Amino acid sequence: RARDVIDAVGLSDVAERPARVLSGGEQQRLALARAWALG
């Protein structure tokens, strides 16, 4: 599920990068992905 949703938000290319070094926009998309994954 995590891989599906991280691909859906366009972050598959940074999936293995530390979350805290992502840009502000990427972090917000990641936060949305984290919530979305919970259905």
Full PDB file with SEQRES, HELIX, SHEET, SSBOND, CRYST1, ORIGX, SCALE, CONECT and MASTER records, all heavy atoms in Angstrom:
SEQRES   1 A   39  ARG ALA ARG ASP VAL ILE ASP ALA VAL GLY LEU SER ASP          
SEQRES   2 A   39  VAL ALA GLU ARG PRO ALA ARG VAL LEU SER GLY GLY GLU          
SEQRES   3 A   39  GLN GLN ARG LEU ALA LEU ALA ARG ALA TRP ALA LEU GLY          
HELIX    1 AA1 ALA A    2  ALA A    8  1                                   7    
HELIX    2 AA2 SER A   12  VAL A   14  5                                   3    
HELIX    3 AA3 ALA A   19  VAL A   21  5                                   3    
HELIX    4 AA4 GLY A   24  TRP A   36  1                                  13    
CRYST1    1.000    1.000    1.000  90.00  90.00  90.00 P 1           1          
ORIGX1      1.000000  0.000000  0.000000        0.00000                         
ORIGX2      0.000000  1.000000  0.000000        0.00000                         
ORIGX3      0.000000  0.000000  1.000000        0.00000                         
SCALE1      1.000000  0.000000  0.000000        0.00000                         
SCALE2      0.000000  1.000000  0.000000        0.00000                         
SCALE3      0.000000  0.000000  1.000000        0.00000                         
ATOM      1  N   ARG A   1       0.830  -1.200   0.000  1.00  0.00           N  
ATOM      2  CA  ARG A   1       0.000   0.000   0.000  1.00  0.00           C  
ATOM      3  C   ARG A   1       0.867   1.254   0.000  1.00  0.00           C  
ATOM      4  O   ARG A   1       0.558   2.248  -0.663  1.00  0.00           O  
ATOM      5  CB  ARG A   1      -0.941   0.006   1.201  1.00  0.00           C  
ATOM      6  CG  ARG A   1      -2.071   1.017   1.056  1.00  0.00           C  
ATOM      7  CD  ARG A   1      -2.982   1.041   2.262  1.00  0.00           C  
ATOM      8  NE  ARG A   1      -3.590  -0.247   2.540  1.00  0.00           N  
ATOM      9  CZ  ARG A   1      -4.404  -0.456   3.567  1.00  0.00           C  
ATOM     10  NH1 ARG A   1      -4.690   0.536   4.409  1.00  0.00           N  
ATOM     11  NH2 ARG A   1      -4.939  -1.656   3.766  1.00  0.00           N  
ATOM     12  N   ALA A   2       1.959   1.228   0.760  1.00  0.00           N  
ATOM     13  CA  ALA A   2       2.843   2.387   0.825  1.00  0.00           C  
ATOM     14  C   ALA A   2       3.449   2.694  -0.543  1.00  0.00           C  
ATOM     15  O   ALA A   2       3.525   3.854  -0.951  1.00  0.00           O  
ATOM     16  CB  ALA A   2       3.941   2.150   1.855  1.00  0.00           C  
ATOM     17  N   ARG A   3       3.876   1.663  -1.249  1.00  0.00           N  
ATOM     18  CA  ARG A   3       4.468   1.882  -2.575  1.00  0.00           C  
ATOM     19  C   ARG A   3       3.420   2.367  -3.567  1.00  0.00           C  
ATOM     20  O   ARG A   3       3.709   3.204  -4.430  1.00  0.00           O  
ATOM     21  CB  ARG A   3       5.158   0.606  -3.070  1.00  0.00           C  
ATOM     22  CG  ARG A   3       6.426   0.279  -2.284  1.00  0.00           C  
ATOM     23  CD  ARG A   3       7.320  -0.701  -2.991  1.00  0.00           C  
ATOM     24  NE  ARG A   3       8.535  -0.943  -2.209  1.00  0.00           N  
ATOM     25  CZ  ARG A   3       9.609  -0.152  -2.220  1.00  0.00           C  
ATOM     26  NH1 ARG A   3       9.611   0.937  -2.988  1.00  0.00           N  
ATOM     27  NH2 ARG A   3      10.669  -0.433  -1.487  1.00  0.00           N  
ATOM     28  N   ASP A   4       2.211   1.856  -3.460  1.00  0.00           N  
ATOM     29  CA  ASP A   4       1.139   2.318  -4.353  1.00  0.00           C  
ATOM     30  C   ASP A   4       0.865   3.806  -4.152  1.00  0.00           C  
ATOM     31  O   ASP A   4       0.750   4.566  -5.118  1.00  0.00           O  
ATOM     32  CB  ASP A   4      -0.141   1.521  -4.093  1.00  0.00           C  
ATOM     33  CG  ASP A   4      -0.099   0.132  -4.684  1.00  0.00           C  
ATOM     34  OD1 ASP A   4       0.781  -0.137  -5.517  1.00  0.00           O  
ATOM     35  OD2 ASP A   4      -0.953  -0.698  -4.302  1.00  0.00           O  
ATOM     36  N   VAL A   5       0.761   4.225  -2.907  1.00  0.00           N  
ATOM     37  CA  VAL A   5       0.357   5.606  -2.633  1.00  0.00           C  
ATOM     38  C   VAL A   5       1.506   6.576  -2.883  1.00  0.00           C  
ATOM     39  O   VAL A   5       1.278   7.703  -3.334  1.00  0.00           O  
ATOM     40  CB  VAL A   5      -0.221   5.733  -1.210  1.00  0.00           C  
ATOM     41  CG1 VAL A   5       0.874   5.750  -0.148  1.00  0.00           C  
ATOM     42  CG2 VAL A   5      -1.085   6.975  -1.082  1.00  0.00           C  
ATOM     43  N   ILE A   6       2.749   6.158  -2.628  1.00  0.00           N  
ATOM     44  CA  ILE A   6       3.866   7.074  -2.876  1.00  0.00           C  
ATOM     45  C   ILE A   6       4.042   7.281  -4.379  1.00  0.00           C  
ATOM     46  O   ILE A   6       4.457   8.366  -4.821  1.00  0.00           O  
ATOM     47  CB  ILE A   6       5.168   6.567  -2.217  1.00  0.00           C  
ATOM     48  CG1 ILE A   6       6.102   7.762  -1.942  1.00  0.00           C  
ATOM     49  CG2 ILE A   6       5.860   5.508  -3.048  1.00  0.00           C  
ATOM     50  CD1 ILE A   6       7.259   7.449  -1.036  1.00  0.00           C  
ATOM     51  N   ASP A   7       3.689   6.271  -5.163  1.00  0.00           N  
ATOM     52  CA  ASP A   7       3.709   6.434  -6.613  1.00  0.00           C  
ATOM     53  C   ASP A   7       2.565   7.357  -7.052  1.00  0.00           C  
ATOM     54  O   ASP A   7       2.747   8.205  -7.932  1.00  0.00           O  
ATOM     55  CB  ASP A   7       3.575   5.065  -7.291  1.00  0.00           C  
ATOM     56  CG  ASP A   7       3.612   5.174  -8.804  1.00  0.00           C  
ATOM     57  OD1 ASP A   7       4.625   5.653  -9.352  1.00  0.00           O  
ATOM     58  OD2 ASP A   7       2.620   4.781  -9.451  1.00  0.00           O  
ATOM     59  N   ALA A   8       1.402   7.216  -6.418  1.00  0.00           N  
ATOM     60  CA  ALA A   8       0.231   8.017  -6.790  1.00  0.00           C  
ATOM     61  C   ALA A   8       0.456   9.505  -6.553  1.00  0.00           C  
ATOM     62  O   ALA A   8      -0.110  10.340  -7.265  1.00  0.00           O  
ATOM     63  CB  ALA A   8      -0.993   7.544  -6.013  1.00  0.00           C  
ATOM     64  N   VAL A   9       1.289   9.850  -5.558  1.00  0.00           N  
ATOM     65  CA  VAL A   9       1.539  11.268  -5.269  1.00  0.00           C  
ATOM     66  C   VAL A   9       2.806  11.773  -5.951  1.00  0.00           C  
ATOM     67  O   VAL A   9       3.232  12.902  -5.723  1.00  0.00           O  
ATOM     68  CB  VAL A   9       1.621  11.528  -3.749  1.00  0.00           C  
ATOM     69  CG1 VAL A   9       0.337  11.089  -3.070  1.00  0.00           C  
ATOM     70  CG2 VAL A   9       2.835  10.858  -3.110  1.00  0.00           C  
ATOM     71  N   GLY A  10       3.412  10.930  -6.787  1.00  0.00           N  
ATOM     72  CA  GLY A  10       4.566  11.361  -7.568  1.00  0.00           C  
ATOM     73  C   GLY A  10       5.865  11.448  -6.809  1.00  0.00           C  
ATOM     74  O   GLY A  10       6.747  12.246  -7.167  1.00  0.00           O  
ATOM     75  N   LEU A  11       6.035  10.610  -5.787  1.00  0.00           N  
ATOM     76  CA  LEU A  11       7.251  10.671  -4.976  1.00  0.00           C  
ATOM     77  C   LEU A  11       8.041   9.365  -5.009  1.00  0.00           C  
ATOM     78  O   LEU A  11       8.931   9.159  -4.171  1.00  0.00           O  
ATOM     79  CB  LEU A  11       6.899  11.008  -3.512  1.00  0.00           C  
ATOM     80  CG  LEU A  11       6.334  12.402  -3.255  1.00  0.00           C  
ATOM     81  CD1 LEU A  11       5.960  12.552  -1.776  1.00  0.00           C  
ATOM     82  CD2 LEU A  11       7.333  13.486  -3.647  1.00  0.00           C  
ATOM     83  N   SER A  12       7.760   8.500  -5.953  1.00  0.00           N  
ATOM     84  CA  SER A  12       8.459   7.209  -5.987  1.00  0.00           C  
ATOM     85  C   SER A  12       9.956   7.376  -6.186  1.00  0.00           C  
ATOM     86  O   SER A  12      10.749   6.557  -5.712  1.00  0.00           O  
ATOM     87  CB  SER A  12       7.872   6.314  -7.087  1.00  0.00           C  
ATOM     88  OG  SER A  12       7.902   6.968  -8.342  1.00  0.00           O  
ATOM     89  N   ASP A  13      10.373   8.468  -6.861  1.00  0.00           N  
ATOM     90  CA  ASP A  13      11.799   8.669  -7.118  1.00  0.00           C  
ATOM     91  C   ASP A  13      12.558   9.111  -5.870  1.00  0.00           C  
ATOM     92  O   ASP A  13      13.793   9.072  -5.841  1.00  0.00           O  
ATOM     93  CB  ASP A  13      12.010   9.687  -8.235  1.00  0.00           C  
ATOM     94  CG  ASP A  13      11.370  11.024  -7.950  1.00  0.00           C  
ATOM     95  OD1 ASP A  13      10.374  11.057  -7.186  1.00  0.00           O  
ATOM     96  OD2 ASP A  13      11.849  12.048  -8.479  1.00  0.00           O  
ATOM     97  N   VAL A  14      11.846   9.543  -4.834  1.00  0.00           N  
ATOM     98  CA  VAL A  14      12.514   9.947  -3.583  1.00  0.00           C  
ATOM     99  C   VAL A  14      12.072   9.056  -2.428  1.00  0.00           C  
ATOM    100  O   VAL A  14      12.247   9.410  -1.259  1.00  0.00           O  
ATOM    101  CB  VAL A  14      12.233  11.430  -3.246  1.00  0.00           C  
ATOM    102  CG1 VAL A  14      12.817  12.345  -4.308  1.00  0.00           C  
ATOM    103  CG2 VAL A  14      10.737  11.697  -3.079  1.00  0.00           C  
ATOM    104  N   ALA A  15      11.526   7.891  -2.737  1.00  0.00           N  
ATOM    105  CA  ALA A  15      10.964   7.010  -1.708  1.00  0.00           C  
ATOM    106  C   ALA A  15      11.978   6.621  -0.641  1.00  0.00           C  
ATOM    107  O   ALA A  15      11.621   6.494   0.548  1.00  0.00           O  
ATOM    108  CB  ALA A  15      10.389   5.750  -2.355  1.00  0.00           C  
ATOM    109  N   GLU A  16      13.229   6.451  -1.030  1.00  0.00           N  
ATOM    110  CA  GLU A  16      14.240   5.994  -0.067  1.00  0.00           C  
ATOM    111  C   GLU A  16      15.046   7.147   0.543  1.00  0.00           C  
ATOM    112  O   GLU A  16      15.925   6.918   1.371  1.00  0.00           O  
ATOM    113  CB  GLU A  16      15.197   5.003  -0.742  1.00  0.00           C  
ATOM    114  CG  GLU A  16      14.504   3.790  -1.356  1.00  0.00           C  
ATOM    115  CD  GLU A  16      13.665   3.006  -0.360  1.00  0.00           C  
ATOM    116  OE1 GLU A  16      14.020   2.994   0.836  1.00  0.00           O  
ATOM    117  OE2 GLU A  16      12.653   2.407  -0.785  1.00  0.00           O  
ATOM    118  N   ARG A  17      14.737   8.366   0.159  1.00  0.00           N  
ATOM    119  CA  ARG A  17      15.440   9.508   0.744  1.00  0.00           C  
ATOM    120  C   ARG A  17      14.873   9.831   2.119  1.00  0.00           C  
ATOM    121  O   ARG A  17      13.678   9.604   2.378  1.00  0.00           O  
ATOM    122  CB  ARG A  17      15.319  10.729  -0.162  1.00  0.00           C  
ATOM    123  CG  ARG A  17      16.032  10.593  -1.501  1.00  0.00           C  
ATOM    124  CD  ARG A  17      15.951  11.878  -2.291  1.00  0.00           C  
ATOM    125  NE  ARG A  17      16.620  12.987  -1.613  1.00  0.00           N  
ATOM    126  CZ  ARG A  17      16.572  14.251  -1.993  1.00  0.00           C  
ATOM    127  NH1 ARG A  17      15.839  14.577  -3.050  1.00  0.00           N  
ATOM    128  NH2 ARG A  17      17.220  15.188  -1.346  1.00  0.00           N  
ATOM    129  N   PRO A  18      15.705  10.391   3.027  1.00  0.00           N  
ATOM    130  CA  PRO A  18      15.173  10.799   4.326  1.00  0.00           C  
ATOM    131  C   PRO A  18      14.063  11.831   4.143  1.00  0.00           C  
ATOM    132  O   PRO A  18      14.222  12.812   3.410  1.00  0.00           O  
ATOM    133  CB  PRO A  18      16.389  11.411   5.033  1.00  0.00           C  
ATOM    134  CG  PRO A  18      17.572  10.799   4.357  1.00  0.00           C  
ATOM    135  CD  PRO A  18      17.156  10.608   2.924  1.00  0.00           C  
ATOM    136  N   ALA A  19      12.963  11.624   4.811  1.00  0.00           N  
ATOM    137  CA  ALA A  19      11.808  12.502   4.633  1.00  0.00           C  
ATOM    138  C   ALA A  19      12.122  13.949   4.992  1.00  0.00           C  
ATOM    139  O   ALA A  19      11.586  14.883   4.390  1.00  0.00           O  
ATOM    140  CB  ALA A  19      10.638  11.994   5.466  1.00  0.00           C  
ATOM    141  N   ARG A  20      12.998  14.134   5.969  1.00  0.00           N  
ATOM    142  CA  ARG A  20      13.262  15.482   6.468  1.00  0.00           C  
ATOM    143  C   ARG A  20      14.119  16.325   5.532  1.00  0.00           C  
ATOM    144  O   ARG A  20      14.267  17.523   5.747  1.00  0.00           O  
ATOM    145  CB  ARG A  20      13.901  15.409   7.855  1.00  0.00           C  
ATOM    146  CG  ARG A  20      12.944  14.866   8.915  1.00  0.00           C  
ATOM    147  CD  ARG A  20      13.518  14.963  10.301  1.00  0.00           C  
ATOM    148  NE  ARG A  20      12.551  14.549  11.306  1.00  0.00           N  
ATOM    149  CZ  ARG A  20      12.758  14.620  12.629  1.00  0.00           C  
ATOM    150  NH1 ARG A  20      13.921  15.084  13.086  1.00  0.00           N  
ATOM    151  NH2 ARG A  20      11.829  14.219  13.470  1.00  0.00           N  
ATOM    152  N   VAL A  21      14.704  15.718   4.488  1.00  0.00           N  
ATOM    153  CA  VAL A  21      15.495  16.517   3.540  1.00  0.00           C  
ATOM    154  C   VAL A  21      14.685  16.862   2.297  1.00  0.00           C  
ATOM    155  O   VAL A  21      15.184  17.565   1.417  1.00  0.00           O  
ATOM    156  CB  VAL A  21      16.798  15.788   3.133  1.00  0.00           C  
ATOM    157  CG1 VAL A  21      17.601  15.393   4.365  1.00  0.00           C  
ATOM    158  CG2 VAL A  21      16.514  14.574   2.251  1.00  0.00           C  
ATOM    159  N   LEU A  22      13.453  16.410   2.218  1.00  0.00           N  
ATOM    160  CA  LEU A  22      12.606  16.736   1.074  1.00  0.00           C  
ATOM    161  C   LEU A  22      12.194  18.202   1.126  1.00  0.00           C  
ATOM    162  O   LEU A  22      12.209  18.837   2.176  1.00  0.00           O  
ATOM    163  CB  LEU A  22      11.359  15.846   1.061  1.00  0.00           C  
ATOM    164  CG  LEU A  22      11.584  14.330   1.000  1.00  0.00           C  
ATOM    165  CD1 LEU A  22      10.235  13.609   0.959  1.00  0.00           C  
ATOM    166  CD2 LEU A  22      12.442  13.949  -0.193  1.00  0.00           C  
ATOM    167  N   SER A  23      11.823  18.737  -0.019  1.00  0.00           N  
ATOM    168  CA  SER A  23      11.343  20.118  -0.073  1.00  0.00           C  
ATOM    169  C   SER A  23      10.016  20.239   0.670  1.00  0.00           C  
ATOM    170  O   SER A  23       9.359  19.231   0.975  1.00  0.00           O  
ATOM    171  CB  SER A  23      11.158  20.558  -1.519  1.00  0.00           C  
ATOM    172  OG  SER A  23      10.057  19.873  -2.108  1.00  0.00           O  
ATOM    173  N   GLY A  24       9.612  21.483   0.930  1.00  0.00           N  
ATOM    174  CA  GLY A  24       8.353  21.699   1.627  1.00  0.00           C  
ATOM    175  C   GLY A  24       7.167  21.103   0.888  1.00  0.00           C  
ATOM    176  O   GLY A  24       6.287  20.478   1.490  1.00  0.00           O  
ATOM    177  N   GLY A  25       7.135  21.278  -0.437  1.00  0.00           N  
ATOM    178  CA  GLY A  25       6.050  20.722  -1.230  1.00  0.00           C  
ATOM    179  C   GLY A  25       6.052  19.204  -1.217  1.00  0.00           C  
ATOM    180  O   GLY A  25       4.991  18.566  -1.132  1.00  0.00           O  
ATOM    181  N   GLU A  26       7.240  18.609  -1.298  1.00  0.00           N  
ATOM    182  CA  GLU A  26       7.347  17.149  -1.255  1.00  0.00           C  
ATOM    183  C   GLU A  26       6.920  16.617   0.107  1.00  0.00           C  
ATOM    184  O   GLU A  26       6.235  15.587   0.200  1.00  0.00           O  
ATOM    185  CB  GLU A  26       8.778  16.723  -1.571  1.00  0.00           C  
ATOM    186  CG  GLU A  26       9.172  16.911  -3.017  1.00  0.00           C  
ATOM    187  CD  GLU A  26      10.650  16.696  -3.259  1.00  0.00           C  
ATOM    188  OE1 GLU A  26      11.456  16.867  -2.308  1.00  0.00           O  
ATOM    189  OE2 GLU A  26      11.016  16.382  -4.410  1.00  0.00           O  
ATOM    190  N   GLN A  27       7.305  17.302   1.166  1.00  0.00           N  
ATOM    191  CA  GLN A  27       6.890  16.868   2.500  1.00  0.00           C  
ATOM    192  C   GLN A  27       5.375  16.928   2.661  1.00  0.00           C  
ATOM    193  O   GLN A  27       4.771  16.039   3.273  1.00  0.00           O  
ATOM    194  CB  GLN A  27       7.569  17.715   3.575  1.00  0.00           C  
ATOM    195  CG  GLN A  27       9.040  17.413   3.760  1.00  0.00           C  
ATOM    196  CD  GLN A  27       9.621  18.064   5.002  1.00  0.00           C  
ATOM    197  OE1 GLN A  27       8.908  18.562   5.862  1.00  0.00           O  
ATOM    198  NE2 GLN A  27      10.942  18.052   5.100  1.00  0.00           N  
ATOM    199  N   GLN A  28       4.744  17.962   2.105  1.00  0.00           N  
ATOM    200  CA  GLN A  28       3.296  18.056   2.239  1.00  0.00           C  
ATOM    201  C   GLN A  28       2.612  16.957   1.433  1.00  0.00           C  
ATOM    202  O   GLN A  28       1.618  16.381   1.885  1.00  0.00           O  
ATOM    203  CB  GLN A  28       2.813  19.444   1.804  1.00  0.00           C  
ATOM    204  CG  GLN A  28       1.382  19.757   2.213  1.00  0.00           C  
ATOM    205  CD  GLN A  28       1.182  19.828   3.707  1.00  0.00           C  
ATOM    206  OE1 GLN A  28       1.263  18.834   4.413  1.00  0.00           O  
ATOM    207  NE2 GLN A  28       0.924  21.027   4.210  1.00  0.00           N  
ATOM    208  N   ARG A  29       3.142  16.654   0.253  1.00  0.00           N  
ATOM    209  CA  ARG A  29       2.581  15.552  -0.531  1.00  0.00           C  
ATOM    210  C   ARG A  29       2.790  14.222   0.187  1.00  0.00           C  
ATOM    211  O   ARG A  29       1.917  13.342   0.164  1.00  0.00           O  
ATOM    212  CB  ARG A  29       3.220  15.506  -1.916  1.00  0.00           C  
ATOM    213  CG  ARG A  29       2.595  16.501  -2.889  1.00  0.00           C  
ATOM    214  CD  ARG A  29       3.068  16.246  -4.302  1.00  0.00           C  
ATOM    215  NE  ARG A  29       4.420  16.720  -4.513  1.00  0.00           N  
ATOM    216  CZ  ARG A  29       5.280  16.214  -5.394  1.00  0.00           C  
ATOM    217  NH1 ARG A  29       4.925  15.186  -6.130  1.00  0.00           N  
ATOM    218  NH2 ARG A  29       6.484  16.735  -5.539  1.00  0.00           N  
ATOM    219  N   LEU A  30       3.938  14.082   0.853  1.00  0.00           N  
ATOM    220  CA  LEU A  30       4.189  12.865   1.624  1.00  0.00           C  
ATOM    221  C   LEU A  30       3.214  12.757   2.799  1.00  0.00           C  
ATOM    222  O   LEU A  30       2.695  11.668   3.094  1.00  0.00           O  
ATOM    223  CB  LEU A  30       5.632  12.852   2.132  1.00  0.00           C  
ATOM    224  CG  LEU A  30       6.023  11.663   3.017  1.00  0.00           C  
ATOM    225  CD1 LEU A  30       5.793  10.346   2.286  1.00  0.00           C  
ATOM    226  CD2 LEU A  30       7.492  11.790   3.454  1.00  0.00           C  
ATOM    227  N   ALA A  31       2.951  13.876   3.460  1.00  0.00           N  
ATOM    228  CA  ALA A  31       1.992  13.857   4.568  1.00  0.00           C  
ATOM    229  C   ALA A  31       0.602  13.457   4.070  1.00  0.00           C  
ATOM    230  O   ALA A  31      -0.122  12.696   4.736  1.00  0.00           O  
ATOM    231  CB  ALA A  31       1.938  15.235   5.227  1.00  0.00           C  
ATOM    232  N   LEU A  32       0.225  13.957   2.893  1.00  0.00           N  
ATOM    233  CA  LEU A  32      -1.061  13.574   2.314  1.00  0.00           C  
ATOM    234  C   LEU A  32      -1.060  12.095   1.942  1.00  0.00           C  
ATOM    235  O   LEU A  32      -2.063  11.396   2.146  1.00  0.00           O  
ATOM    236  CB  LEU A  32      -1.360  14.431   1.087  1.00  0.00           C  
ATOM    237  CG  LEU A  32      -1.801  15.865   1.379  1.00  0.00           C  
ATOM    238  CD1 LEU A  32      -1.705  16.722   0.115  1.00  0.00           C  
ATOM    239  CD2 LEU A  32      -3.216  15.907   1.928  1.00  0.00           C  
ATOM    240  N   ALA A  33       0.053  11.612   1.406  1.00  0.00           N  
ATOM    241  CA  ALA A  33       0.144  10.194   1.067  1.00  0.00           C  
ATOM    242  C   ALA A  33       0.027   9.329   2.309  1.00  0.00           C  
ATOM    243  O   ALA A  33      -0.640   8.285   2.303  1.00  0.00           O  
ATOM    244  CB  ALA A  33       1.479   9.916   0.361  1.00  0.00           C  
ATOM    245  N   ARG A  34       0.681   9.741   3.379  1.00  0.00           N  
ATOM    246  CA  ARG A  34       0.635   8.989   4.644  1.00  0.00           C  
ATOM    247  C   ARG A  34      -0.793   8.887   5.171  1.00  0.00           C  
ATOM    248  O   ARG A  34      -1.220   7.851   5.672  1.00  0.00           O  
ATOM    249  CB  ARG A  34       1.553   9.690   5.656  1.00  0.00           C  
ATOM    250  CG  ARG A  34       1.827   8.937   6.924  1.00  0.00           C  
ATOM    251  CD  ARG A  34       2.977   9.583   7.691  1.00  0.00           C  
ATOM    252  NE  ARG A  34       2.738  11.000   7.957  1.00  0.00           N  
ATOM    253  CZ  ARG A  34       3.649  11.822   8.483  1.00  0.00           C  
ATOM    254  NH1 ARG A  34       4.859  11.366   8.775  1.00  0.00           N  
ATOM    255  NH2 ARG A  34       3.367  13.084   8.701  1.00  0.00           N  
ATOM    256  N   ALA A  35      -1.542   9.985   5.032  1.00  0.00           N  
ATOM    257  CA  ALA A  35      -2.941   9.977   5.463  1.00  0.00           C  
ATOM    258  C   ALA A  35      -3.810   9.171   4.500  1.00  0.00           C  
ATOM    259  O   ALA A  35      -4.680   8.387   4.921  1.00  0.00           O  
ATOM    260  CB  ALA A  35      -3.448  11.411   5.559  1.00  0.00           C  
ATOM    261  N   TRP A  36      -3.594   9.353   3.209  1.00  0.00           N  
ATOM    262  CA  TRP A  36      -4.386   8.680   2.179  1.00  0.00           C  
ATOM    263  C   TRP A  36      -4.253   7.164   2.278  1.00  0.00           C  
ATOM    264  O   TRP A  36      -5.219   6.418   2.050  1.00  0.00           O  
ATOM    265  CB  TRP A  36      -3.927   9.177   0.816  1.00  0.00           C  
ATOM    266  CG  TRP A  36      -4.820   8.853  -0.331  1.00  0.00           C  
ATOM    267  CD1 TRP A  36      -6.090   8.322  -0.296  1.00  0.00           C  
ATOM    268  CD2 TRP A  36      -4.514   9.056  -1.722  1.00  0.00           C  
ATOM    269  NE1 TRP A  36      -6.583   8.187  -1.563  1.00  0.00           N  
ATOM    270  CE2 TRP A  36      -5.646   8.634  -2.456  1.00  0.00           C  
ATOM    271  CE3 TRP A  36      -3.410   9.576  -2.394  1.00  0.00           C  
ATOM    272  CZ2 TRP A  36      -5.686   8.701  -3.854  1.00  0.00           C  
ATOM    273  CZ3 TRP A  36      -3.452   9.652  -3.785  1.00  0.00           C  
ATOM    274  CH2 TRP A  36      -4.576   9.214  -4.492  1.00  0.00           C  
ATOM    275  N   ALA A  37      -3.056   6.702   2.619  1.00  0.00           N  
ATOM    276  CA  ALA A  37      -2.811   5.260   2.715  1.00  0.00           C  
ATOM    277  C   ALA A  37      -3.717   4.586   3.740  1.00  0.00           C  
ATOM    278  O   ALA A  37      -4.004   3.388   3.633  1.00  0.00           O  
ATOM    279  CB  ALA A  37      -1.347   5.009   3.074  1.00  0.00           C  
ATOM    280  N   LEU A  38      -4.174   5.340   4.706  1.00  0.00           N  
ATOM    281  CA  LEU A  38      -5.030   4.784   5.763  1.00  0.00           C  
ATOM    282  C   LEU A  38      -6.473   4.583   5.305  1.00  0.00           C  
ATOM    283  O   LEU A  38      -7.281   4.023   6.036  1.00  0.00           O  
ATOM    284  CB  LEU A  38      -5.004   5.708   6.986  1.00  0.00           C  
ATOM    285  CG  LEU A  38      -3.635   5.920   7.635  1.00  0.00           C  
ATOM    286  CD1 LEU A  38      -3.731   6.979   8.727  1.00  0.00           C  
ATOM    287  CD2 LEU A  38      -3.103   4.609   8.199  1.00  0.00           C  
ATOM    288  N   GLY A  39      -6.804   5.067   4.116  1.00  0.00           N  
ATOM    289  CA  GLY A  39      -8.159   4.938   3.608  1.00  0.00           C  
ATOM    290  C   GLY A  39      -9.187   5.662   4.449  1.00  0.00           C  
ATOM    291  O   GLY A  39     -10.235   5.091   4.784  1.00  0.00           O  
TER     292      GLY A  39                                                      
MASTER        0    0    0    4    0    0    0    6  291    1    0    3          
END                                                                             
